[in-house]
Amino acid sequence: MVIVGLRLDARREQIQISEGLLLLSVAAATIMALAGFALAISFMNRKYRRTFLGRFSFREYVAELWESREYAPVGNGLDASRADLITLSR
């Protein structure tokens, strides 16, 4: 997107910053986003990483939660969790 913008505006020279500075800012933003993702993964509980990073279909994800999830907004335990999961189908 940045390269297309630079090529379209090359004739009129309306961009006030250099290409190098623009690309450096895009690279810095990318590195910050990757660092944030790495920090989020590293501070996450190990037992939830698999469901966060896994590539489950919706059906597989609900089946995984049905067997392993222990938290629900309506209470604690497997029964409360399963009751909350049933509302996902509505």
PDB file of N, CA and C in Angstrom:
ATOM      1  N   MET A   1       0.822  -1.172   0.000  1.00  0.00           N
ATOM      2  CA  MET A   1       0.000   0.000   0.000  1.00  0.00           C
ATOM      3  C   MET A   1       0.873   1.245   0.000  1.00  0.00           C
ATOM      4  N   VAL A   2       1.938   1.211   0.777  1.00  0.00           N
ATOM      5  CA  VAL A   2       2.836   2.358   0.845  1.00  0.00           C
ATOM      6  C   VAL A   2       3.514   2.566  -0.502  1.00  0.00           C
ATOM      7  N   ILE A   3       3.947   1.486  -1.130  1.00  0.00           N
ATOM      8  CA  ILE A   3       4.638   1.593  -2.416  1.00  0.00           C
ATOM      9  C   ILE A   3       3.692   2.129  -3.486  1.00  0.00           C
ATOM     10  N   VAL A   4       2.450   1.675  -3.497  1.00  0.00           N
ATOM     11  CA  VAL A   4       1.475   2.184  -4.465  1.00  0.00           C
ATOM     12  C   VAL A   4       1.242   3.669  -4.243  1.00  0.00           C
ATOM     13  N   GLY A   5       1.122   4.076  -2.994  1.00  0.00           N
ATOM     14  CA  GLY A   5       0.950   5.495  -2.693  1.00  0.00           C
ATOM     15  C   GLY A   5       2.138   6.333  -3.122  1.00  0.00           C
ATOM     16  N   LEU A   6       3.333   5.803  -2.928  1.00  0.00           N
ATOM     17  CA  LEU A   6       4.519   6.537  -3.357  1.00  0.00           C
ATOM     18  C   LEU A   6       4.587   6.669  -4.871  1.00  0.00           C
ATOM     19  N   ARG A   7       4.203   5.625  -5.579  1.00  0.00           N
ATOM     20  CA  ARG A   7       4.244   5.687  -7.044  1.00  0.00           C
ATOM     21  C   ARG A   7       3.170   6.621  -7.594  1.00  0.00           C
ATOM     22  N   LEU A   8       1.989   6.636  -6.984  1.00  0.00           N
ATOM     23  CA  LEU A   8       0.931   7.517  -7.461  1.00  0.00           C
ATOM     24  C   LEU A   8       1.254   8.983  -7.195  1.00  0.00           C
ATOM     25  N   ASP A   9       1.912   9.262  -6.079  1.00  0.00           N
ATOM     26  CA  ASP A   9       2.232  10.640  -5.734  1.00  0.00           C
ATOM     27  C   ASP A   9       3.609  11.071  -6.199  1.00  0.00           C
ATOM     28  N   ALA A  10       4.306  10.265  -6.963  1.00  0.00           N
ATOM     29  CA  ALA A  10       5.666  10.594  -7.388  1.00  0.00           C
ATOM     30  C   ALA A  10       5.684  11.801  -8.319  1.00  0.00           C
ATOM     31  N   ARG A  11       4.649  11.955  -9.082  1.00  0.00           N
ATOM     32  CA  ARG A  11       4.635  13.069 -10.036  1.00  0.00           C
ATOM     33  C   ARG A  11       4.360  14.400  -9.354  1.00  0.00           C
ATOM     34  N   ARG A  12       3.520  14.412  -8.347  1.00  0.00           N
ATOM     35  CA  ARG A  12       3.122  15.670  -7.715  1.00  0.00           C
ATOM     36  C   ARG A  12       3.987  16.030  -6.516  1.00  0.00           C
ATOM     37  N   GLU A  13       4.692  15.077  -5.965  1.00  0.00           N
ATOM     38  CA  GLU A  13       5.575  15.252  -4.810  1.00  0.00           C
ATOM     39  C   GLU A  13       4.852  15.930  -3.639  1.00  0.00           C
ATOM     40  N   GLN A  14       3.731  15.371  -3.235  1.00  0.00           N
ATOM     41  CA  GLN A  14       2.977  15.909  -2.110  1.00  0.00           C
ATOM     42  C   GLN A  14       3.369  15.281  -0.787  1.00  0.00           C
ATOM     43  N   ILE A  15       4.160  14.223  -0.814  1.00  0.00           N
ATOM     44  CA  ILE A  15       4.568  13.571   0.423  1.00  0.00           C
ATOM     45  C   ILE A  15       5.705  14.378   1.030  1.00  0.00           C
ATOM     46  N   GLN A  16       5.582  14.704   2.302  1.00  0.00           N
ATOM     47  CA  GLN A  16       6.540  15.589   2.947  1.00  0.00           C
ATOM     48  C   GLN A  16       7.671  14.840   3.642  1.00  0.00           C
ATOM     49  N   ILE A  17       7.584  13.507   3.758  1.00  0.00           N
ATOM     50  CA  ILE A  17       8.657  12.739   4.387  1.00  0.00           C
ATOM     51  C   ILE A  17       9.310  11.849   3.338  1.00  0.00           C
ATOM     52  N   SER A  18      10.528  11.446   3.614  1.00  0.00           N
ATOM     53  CA  SER A  18      11.252  10.635   2.640  1.00  0.00           C
ATOM     54  C   SER A  18      10.732   9.203   2.634  1.00  0.00           C
ATOM     55  N   GLU A  19      11.051   8.489   1.560  1.00  0.00           N
ATOM     56  CA  GLU A  19      10.637   7.096   1.461  1.00  0.00           C
ATOM     57  C   GLU A  19      11.280   6.254   2.550  1.00  0.00           C
ATOM     58  N   GLY A  20      12.534   6.522   2.838  1.00  0.00           N
ATOM     59  CA  GLY A  20      13.246   5.758   3.862  1.00  0.00           C
ATOM     60  C   GLY A  20      12.599   5.887   5.229  1.00  0.00           C
ATOM     61  N   LEU A  21      12.204   7.097   5.585  1.00  0.00           N
ATOM     62  CA  LEU A  21      11.555   7.324   6.876  1.00  0.00           C
ATOM     63  C   LEU A  21      10.189   6.658   6.920  1.00  0.00           C
ATOM     64  N   LEU A  22       9.482   6.680   5.813  1.00  0.00           N
ATOM     65  CA  LEU A  22       8.171   6.048   5.745  1.00  0.00           C
ATOM     66  C   LEU A  22       8.290   4.535   5.904  1.00  0.00           C
ATOM     67  N   LEU A  23       9.235   3.939   5.188  1.00  0.00           N
ATOM     68  CA  LEU A  23       9.423   2.493   5.291  1.00  0.00           C
ATOM     69  C   LEU A  23       9.957   2.100   6.662  1.00  0.00           C
ATOM     70  N   LEU A  24      10.790   2.940   7.263  1.00  0.00           N
ATOM     71  CA  LEU A  24      11.275   2.680   8.617  1.00  0.00           C
ATOM     72  C   LEU A  24      10.127   2.690   9.624  1.00  0.00           C
ATOM     73  N   SER A  25       9.187   3.610   9.450  1.00  0.00           N
ATOM     74  CA  SER A  25       8.049   3.657  10.374  1.00  0.00           C
ATOM     75  C   SER A  25       7.141   2.438  10.205  1.00  0.00           C
ATOM     76  N   VAL A  26       6.966   1.977   8.974  1.00  0.00           N
ATOM     77  CA  VAL A  26       6.167   0.764   8.747  1.00  0.00           C
ATOM     78  C   VAL A  26       6.867  -0.448   9.349  1.00  0.00           C
ATOM     79  N   ALA A  27       8.185  -0.531   9.184  1.00  0.00           N
ATOM     80  CA  ALA A  27       8.942  -1.645   9.765  1.00  0.00           C
ATOM     81  C   ALA A  27       8.893  -1.605  11.290  1.00  0.00           C
ATOM     82  N   ALA A  28       8.997  -0.411  11.873  1.00  0.00           N
ATOM     83  CA  ALA A  28       8.927  -0.294  13.330  1.00  0.00           C
ATOM     84  C   ALA A  28       7.553  -0.704  13.852  1.00  0.00           C
ATOM     85  N   ALA A  29       6.498  -0.323  13.151  1.00  0.00           N
ATOM     86  CA  ALA A  29       5.146  -0.715  13.571  1.00  0.00           C
ATOM     87  C   ALA A  29       4.958  -2.225  13.474  1.00  0.00           C
ATOM     88  N   THR A  30       5.530  -2.835  12.452  1.00  0.00           N
ATOM     89  CA  THR A  30       5.434  -4.292  12.300  1.00  0.00           C
ATOM     90  C   THR A  30       6.174  -5.002  13.424  1.00  0.00           C
ATOM     91  N   ILE A  31       7.364  -4.523  13.744  1.00  0.00           N
ATOM     92  CA  ILE A  31       8.147  -5.126  14.826  1.00  0.00           C
ATOM     93  C   ILE A  31       7.436  -4.969  16.165  1.00  0.00           C
ATOM     94  N   MET A  32       6.830  -3.815  16.398  1.00  0.00           N
ATOM     95  CA  MET A  32       6.093  -3.616  17.652  1.00  0.00           C
ATOM     96  C   MET A  32       4.882  -4.533  17.732  1.00  0.00           C
ATOM     97  N   ALA A  33       4.192  -4.753  16.615  1.00  0.00           N
ATOM     98  CA  ALA A  33       3.041  -5.657  16.619  1.00  0.00           C
ATOM     99  C   ALA A  33       3.472  -7.094  16.889  1.00  0.00           C
ATOM    100  N   LEU A  34       4.573  -7.511  16.281  1.00  0.00           N
ATOM    101  CA  LEU A  34       5.073  -8.872  16.522  1.00  0.00           C
ATOM    102  C   LEU A  34       5.557  -9.040  17.959  1.00  0.00           C
ATOM    103  N   ALA A  35       6.199  -8.013  18.506  1.00  0.00           N
ATOM    104  CA  ALA A  35       6.642  -8.083  19.899  1.00  0.00           C
ATOM    105  C   ALA A  35       5.441  -8.161  20.848  1.00  0.00           C
ATOM    106  N   GLY A  36       4.393  -7.417  20.562  1.00  0.00           N
ATOM    107  CA  GLY A  36       3.183  -7.493  21.373  1.00  0.00           C
ATOM    108  C   GLY A  36       2.526  -8.851  21.319  1.00  0.00           C
ATOM    109  N   PHE A  37       2.499  -9.452  20.134  1.00  0.00           N
ATOM    110  CA  PHE A  37       1.936 -10.793  19.991  1.00  0.00           C
ATOM    111  C   PHE A  37       2.779 -11.802  20.769  1.00  0.00           C
ATOM    112  N   ALA A  38       4.103 -11.681  20.677  1.00  0.00           N
ATOM    113  CA  ALA A  38       4.984 -12.596  21.406  1.00  0.00           C
ATOM    114  C   ALA A  38       4.806 -12.451  22.914  1.00  0.00           C
ATOM    115  N   LEU A  39       4.654 -11.227  23.398  1.00  0.00           N
ATOM    116  CA  LEU A  39       4.421 -11.021  24.832  1.00  0.00           C
ATOM    117  C   LEU A  39       3.080 -11.602  25.268  1.00  0.00           C
ATOM    118  N   ALA A  40       2.059 -11.424  24.448  1.00  0.00           N
ATOM    119  CA  ALA A  40       0.742 -11.974  24.795  1.00  0.00           C
ATOM    120  C   ALA A  40       0.794 -13.494  24.884  1.00  0.00           C
ATOM    121  N   ILE A  41       1.494 -14.130  23.963  1.00  0.00           N
ATOM    122  CA  ILE A  41       1.618 -15.583  23.980  1.00  0.00           C
ATOM    123  C   ILE A  41       2.453 -16.043  25.172  1.00  0.00           C
ATOM    124  N   SER A  42       3.518 -15.312  25.478  1.00  0.00           N
ATOM    125  CA  SER A  42       4.400 -15.757  26.563  1.00  0.00           C
ATOM    126  C   SER A  42       3.739 -15.618  27.938  1.00  0.00           C
ATOM    127  N   PHE A  43       2.853 -14.652  28.121  1.00  0.00           N
ATOM    128  CA  PHE A  43       2.200 -14.481  29.414  1.00  0.00           C
ATOM    129  C   PHE A  43       0.877 -15.249  29.527  1.00  0.00           C
ATOM    130  N   MET A  44       0.469 -15.908  28.465  1.00  0.00           N
ATOM    131  CA  MET A  44      -0.765 -16.671  28.488  1.00  0.00           C
ATOM    132  C   MET A  44      -0.549 -17.989  29.245  1.00  0.00           C
ATOM    133  N   ASN A  45      -1.579 -18.467  29.909  1.00  0.00           N
ATOM    134  CA  ASN A  45      -1.492 -19.769  30.567  1.00  0.00           C
ATOM    135  C   ASN A  45      -1.238 -20.852  29.526  1.00  0.00           C
ATOM    136  N   ARG A  46      -0.385 -21.798  29.870  1.00  0.00           N
ATOM    137  CA  ARG A  46       0.008 -22.831  28.905  1.00  0.00           C
ATOM    138  C   ARG A  46      -1.171 -23.662  28.421  1.00  0.00           C
ATOM    139  N   LYS A  47      -2.134 -23.905  29.281  1.00  0.00           N
ATOM    140  CA  LYS A  47      -3.226 -24.794  28.862  1.00  0.00           C
ATOM    141  C   LYS A  47      -4.171 -24.118  27.872  1.00  0.00           C
ATOM    142  N   TYR A  48      -4.121 -22.787  27.740  1.00  0.00           N
ATOM    143  CA  TYR A  48      -4.983 -22.093  26.788  1.00  0.00           C
ATOM    144  C   TYR A  48      -4.273 -21.764  25.476  1.00  0.00           C
ATOM    145  N   ARG A  49      -2.968 -21.964  25.397  1.00  0.00           N
ATOM    146  CA  ARG A  49      -2.240 -21.631  24.171  1.00  0.00           C
ATOM    147  C   ARG A  49      -2.693 -22.486  22.993  1.00  0.00           C
ATOM    148  N   ARG A  50      -2.992 -23.732  23.246  1.00  0.00           N
ATOM    149  CA  ARG A  50      -3.370 -24.632  22.155  1.00  0.00           C
ATOM    150  C   ARG A  50      -4.663 -24.187  21.482  1.00  0.00           C
ATOM    151  N   THR A  51      -5.645 -23.753  22.269  1.00  0.00           N
ATOM    152  CA  THR A  51      -6.899 -23.314  21.675  1.00  0.00           C
ATOM    153  C   THR A  51      -6.765 -21.933  21.047  1.00  0.00           C
ATOM    154  N   PHE A  52      -5.818 -21.122  21.536  1.00  0.00           N
ATOM    155  CA  PHE A  52      -5.622 -19.789  20.966  1.00  0.00           C
ATOM    156  C   PHE A  52      -4.897 -19.863  19.632  1.00  0.00           C
ATOM    157  N   LEU A  53      -3.887 -20.717  19.549  1.00  0.00           N
ATOM    158  CA  LEU A  53      -3.087 -20.818  18.332  1.00  0.00           C
ATOM    159  C   LEU A  53      -3.550 -21.903  17.382  1.00  0.00           C
ATOM    160  N   GLY A  54      -4.387 -22.818  17.870  1.00  0.00           N
ATOM    161  CA  GLY A  54      -4.815 -23.930  17.033  1.00  0.00           C
ATOM    162  C   GLY A  54      -5.726 -23.493  15.912  1.00  0.00           C
ATOM    163  N   ARG A  55      -5.778 -24.267  14.886  1.00  0.00           N
ATOM    164  CA  ARG A  55      -6.632 -23.960  13.741  1.00  0.00           C
ATOM    165  C   ARG A  55      -7.813 -24.926  13.748  1.00  0.00           C
ATOM    166  N   PHE A  56      -8.710 -24.703  14.682  1.00  0.00           N
ATOM    167  CA  PHE A  56      -9.893 -25.545  14.805  1.00  0.00           C
ATOM    168  C   PHE A  56     -11.030 -24.957  13.996  1.00  0.00           C
ATOM    169  N   SER A  57     -11.878 -25.834  13.482  1.00  0.00           N
ATOM    170  CA  SER A  57     -13.146 -25.362  12.945  1.00  0.00           C
ATOM    171  C   SER A  57     -14.051 -25.051  14.141  1.00  0.00           C
ATOM    172  N   PHE A  58     -15.178 -24.414  13.886  1.00  0.00           N
ATOM    173  CA  PHE A  58     -16.071 -24.069  14.994  1.00  0.00           C
ATOM    174  C   PHE A  58     -16.555 -25.312  15.718  1.00  0.00           C
ATOM    175  N   ARG A  59     -16.856 -26.358  14.971  1.00  0.00           N
ATOM    176  CA  ARG A  59     -17.328 -27.605  15.578  1.00  0.00           C
ATOM    177  C   ARG A  59     -16.241 -28.237  16.458  1.00  0.00           C
ATOM    178  N   GLU A  60     -14.989 -28.264  15.967  1.00  0.00           N
ATOM    179  CA  GLU A  60     -13.885 -28.824  16.758  1.00  0.00           C
ATOM    180  C   GLU A  60     -13.602 -27.978  17.995  1.00  0.00           C
ATOM    181  N   TYR A  61     -13.717 -26.659  17.837  1.00  0.00           N
ATOM    182  CA  TYR A  61     -13.481 -25.766  18.969  1.00  0.00           C
ATOM    183  C   TYR A  61     -14.521 -25.973  20.067  1.00  0.00           C
ATOM    184  N   VAL A  62     -15.785 -26.088  19.701  1.00  0.00           N
ATOM    185  CA  VAL A  62     -16.838 -26.316  20.690  1.00  0.00           C
ATOM    186  C   VAL A  62     -16.659 -27.682  21.345  1.00  0.00           C
ATOM    187  N   ALA A  63     -16.266 -28.694  20.576  1.00  0.00           N
ATOM    188  CA  ALA A  63     -16.024 -30.023  21.157  1.00  0.00           C
ATOM    189  C   ALA A  63     -14.860 -29.976  22.149  1.00  0.00           C
ATOM    190  N   GLU A  64     -13.817 -29.232  21.822  1.00  0.00           N
ATOM    191  CA  GLU A  64     -12.680 -29.079  22.740  1.00  0.00           C
ATOM    192  C   GLU A  64     -13.117 -28.364  24.023  1.00  0.00           C
ATOM    193  N   LEU A  65     -13.895 -27.305  23.874  1.00  0.00           N
ATOM    194  CA  LEU A  65     -14.379 -26.591  25.057  1.00  0.00           C
ATOM    195  C   LEU A  65     -15.338 -27.442  25.879  1.00  0.00           C
ATOM    196  N   TRP A  66     -16.136 -28.258  25.222  1.00  0.00           N
ATOM    197  CA  TRP A  66     -17.093 -29.115  25.919  1.00  0.00           C
ATOM    198  C   TRP A  66     -16.387 -30.059  26.881  1.00  0.00           C
ATOM    199  N   GLU A  67     -15.232 -30.554  26.480  1.00  0.00           N
ATOM    200  CA  GLU A  67     -14.494 -31.511  27.309  1.00  0.00           C
ATOM    201  C   GLU A  67     -13.573 -30.853  28.337  1.00  0.00           C
ATOM    202  N   SER A  68     -13.074 -29.659  28.062  1.00  0.00           N
ATOM    203  CA  SER A  68     -12.003 -29.134  28.917  1.00  0.00           C
ATOM    204  C   SER A  68     -12.314 -27.833  29.642  1.00  0.00           C
ATOM    205  N   ARG A  69     -13.283 -27.080  29.208  1.00  0.00           N
ATOM    206  CA  ARG A  69     -13.527 -25.767  29.801  1.00  0.00           C
ATOM    207  C   ARG A  69     -14.140 -25.893  31.177  1.00  0.00           C
ATOM    208  N   GLU A  70     -13.659 -25.063  32.110  1.00  0.00           N
ATOM    209  CA  GLU A  70     -14.161 -25.118  33.485  1.00  0.00           C
ATOM    210  C   GLU A  70     -14.738 -23.799  33.958  1.00  0.00           C
ATOM    211  N   TYR A  71     -14.706 -22.762  33.130  1.00  0.00           N
ATOM    212  CA  TYR A  71     -15.199 -21.444  33.530  1.00  0.00           C
ATOM    213  C   TYR A  71     -16.407 -21.057  32.691  1.00  0.00           C
ATOM    214  N   ALA A  72     -17.346 -20.411  33.325  1.00  0.00           N
ATOM    215  CA  ALA A  72     -18.495 -19.848  32.616  1.00  0.00           C
ATOM    216  C   ALA A  72     -18.956 -18.621  33.381  1.00  0.00           C
ATOM    217  N   PRO A  73     -19.530 -17.647  32.702  1.00  0.00           N
ATOM    218  CA  PRO A  73     -20.016 -16.448  33.402  1.00  0.00           C
ATOM    219  C   PRO A  73     -21.151 -16.746  34.375  1.00  0.00           C
ATOM    220  N   VAL A  74     -21.838 -17.875  34.198  1.00  0.00           N
ATOM    221  CA  VAL A  74     -22.971 -18.207  35.056  1.00  0.00           C
ATOM    222  C   VAL A  74     -22.571 -19.028  36.277  1.00  0.00           C
ATOM    223  N   GLY A  75     -21.317 -19.453  36.380  1.00  0.00           N
ATOM    224  CA  GLY A  75     -20.878 -20.248  37.521  1.00  0.00           C
ATOM    225  C   GLY A  75     -19.564 -20.937  37.234  1.00  0.00           C
ATOM    226  N   ASN A  76     -19.201 -21.860  38.091  1.00  0.00           N
ATOM    227  CA  ASN A  76     -17.953 -22.597  37.923  1.00  0.00           C
ATOM    228  C   ASN A  76     -18.251 -24.081  37.731  1.00  0.00           C
ATOM    229  N   GLY A  77     -17.319 -24.756  37.126  1.00  0.00           N
ATOM    230  CA  GLY A  77     -17.458 -26.189  36.947  1.00  0.00           C
ATOM    231  C   GLY A  77     -17.857 -26.565  35.536  1.00  0.00           C
ATOM    232  N   LEU A  78     -17.809 -27.846  35.278  1.00  0.00           N
ATOM    233  CA  LEU A  78     -18.076 -28.366  33.941  1.00  0.00           C
ATOM    234  C   LEU A  78     -19.537 -28.197  33.529  1.00  0.00           C
ATOM    235  N   ASP A  79     -20.464 -28.380  34.464  1.00  0.00           N
ATOM    236  CA  ASP A  79     -21.885 -28.247  34.120  1.00  0.00           C
ATOM    237  C   ASP A  79     -22.247 -26.810  33.739  1.00  0.00           C
ATOM    238  N   ALA A  80     -21.742 -25.843  34.492  1.00  0.00           N
ATOM    239  CA  ALA A  80     -22.014 -24.436  34.167  1.00  0.00           C
ATOM    240  C   ALA A  80     -21.386 -24.057  32.838  1.00  0.00           C
ATOM    241  N   SER A  81     -20.208 -24.586  32.578  1.00  0.00           N
ATOM    242  CA  SER A  81     -19.539 -24.303  31.310  1.00  0.00           C
ATOM    243  C   SER A  81     -20.313 -24.878  30.135  1.00  0.00           C
ATOM    244  N   ARG A  82     -20.794 -26.098  30.281  1.00  0.00           N
ATOM    245  CA  ARG A  82     -21.572 -26.719  29.205  1.00  0.00           C
ATOM    246  C   ARG A  82     -22.896 -25.994  28.981  1.00  0.00           C
ATOM    247  N   ALA A  83     -23.507 -25.513  30.046  1.00  0.00           N
ATOM    248  CA  ALA A  83     -24.744 -24.749  29.903  1.00  0.00           C
ATOM    249  C   ALA A  83     -24.484 -23.449  29.137  1.00  0.00           C
ATOM    250  N   ASP A  84     -23.338 -22.834  29.390  1.00  0.00           N
ATOM    251  CA  ASP A  84     -22.993 -21.607  28.681  1.00  0.00           C
ATOM    252  C   ASP A  84     -22.651 -21.901  27.214  1.00  0.00           C
ATOM    253  N   LEU A  85     -22.020 -23.034  26.937  1.00  0.00           N
ATOM    254  CA  LEU A  85     -21.680 -23.377  25.555  1.00  0.00           C
ATOM    255  C   LEU A  85     -22.917 -23.645  24.712  1.00  0.00           C
ATOM    256  N   ILE A  86     -23.976 -24.123  25.304  1.00  0.00           N
ATOM    257  CA  ILE A  86     -25.196 -24.405  24.546  1.00  0.00           C
ATOM    258  C   ILE A  86     -25.764 -23.113  23.959  1.00  0.00           C
ATOM    259  N   THR A  87     -25.545 -21.993  24.631  1.00  0.00           N
ATOM    260  CA  THR A  87     -26.062 -20.720  24.127  1.00  0.00           C
ATOM    261  C   THR A  87     -25.301 -20.232  22.897  1.00  0.00           C
ATOM    262  N   LEU A  88     -24.146 -20.812  22.551  1.00  0.00           N
ATOM    263  CA  LEU A  88     -23.422 -20.433  21.350  1.00  0.00           C
ATOM    264  C   LEU A  88     -24.171 -20.820  20.082  1.00  0.00           C
ATOM    265  N   SER A  89     -25.052 -21.807  20.188  1.00  0.00           N
ATOM    266  CA  SER A  89     -25.761 -22.283  19.004  1.00  0.00           C
ATOM    267  C   SER A  89     -26.958 -21.417  18.640  1.00  0.00           C
ATOM    268  N   ARG A  90     -27.295 -20.469  19.449  1.00  0.00           N
ATOM    269  CA  ARG A  90     -28.469 -19.622  19.154  1.00  0.00           C
ATOM    270  C   ARG A  90     -28.145 -18.548  18.162  1.00  0.00           C
TER     271      ARG A  90
END
